[in-house]
């Protein structure tokens, strides 16, 4: 199971996701461009002292990421999806892909994987959840399904 953040812009969200990845032995992929540098103090502060233990990769573009991982099953998350993550059985080698906090995932990328475009059901008056919260919700469900934690 891997987490992929495409064009993340808020360092403390990425730091929190990194900490969750360390806690779950999950590899984190960061797809540039990003809205911060990996040396950002806010990133490190959110990741606490766990950041040195994080297994992560940085990809120079979405195309470079795709080329390297073309054979892996991909599941994309968007508030505009029609299908819930509740209705999916995630394979153990799934890549769980989340977009920028500001703009989400590129439309052409969502269209490419529209059969695996998923949402987190929400009630009430909220448009979307925080990125790190969304990653945690989906990641722990995928790990639960595979009994890999």
Foldseek 3Di string as FASTA:
>chain_A
DAEEEEQAADLLLQLLLQLVCLVQVHEYEYEDDHNDDPVDPNNCVSVDPCNVVHHYYYHDHPVRVCVVPVPAAEAEEDLPADAALVPDQDDPRYYYYWYYPVPIDDPVVCVVPVVRYHYHDDDDDDSDDRNSVVCVVNVVVNCVSVVRD
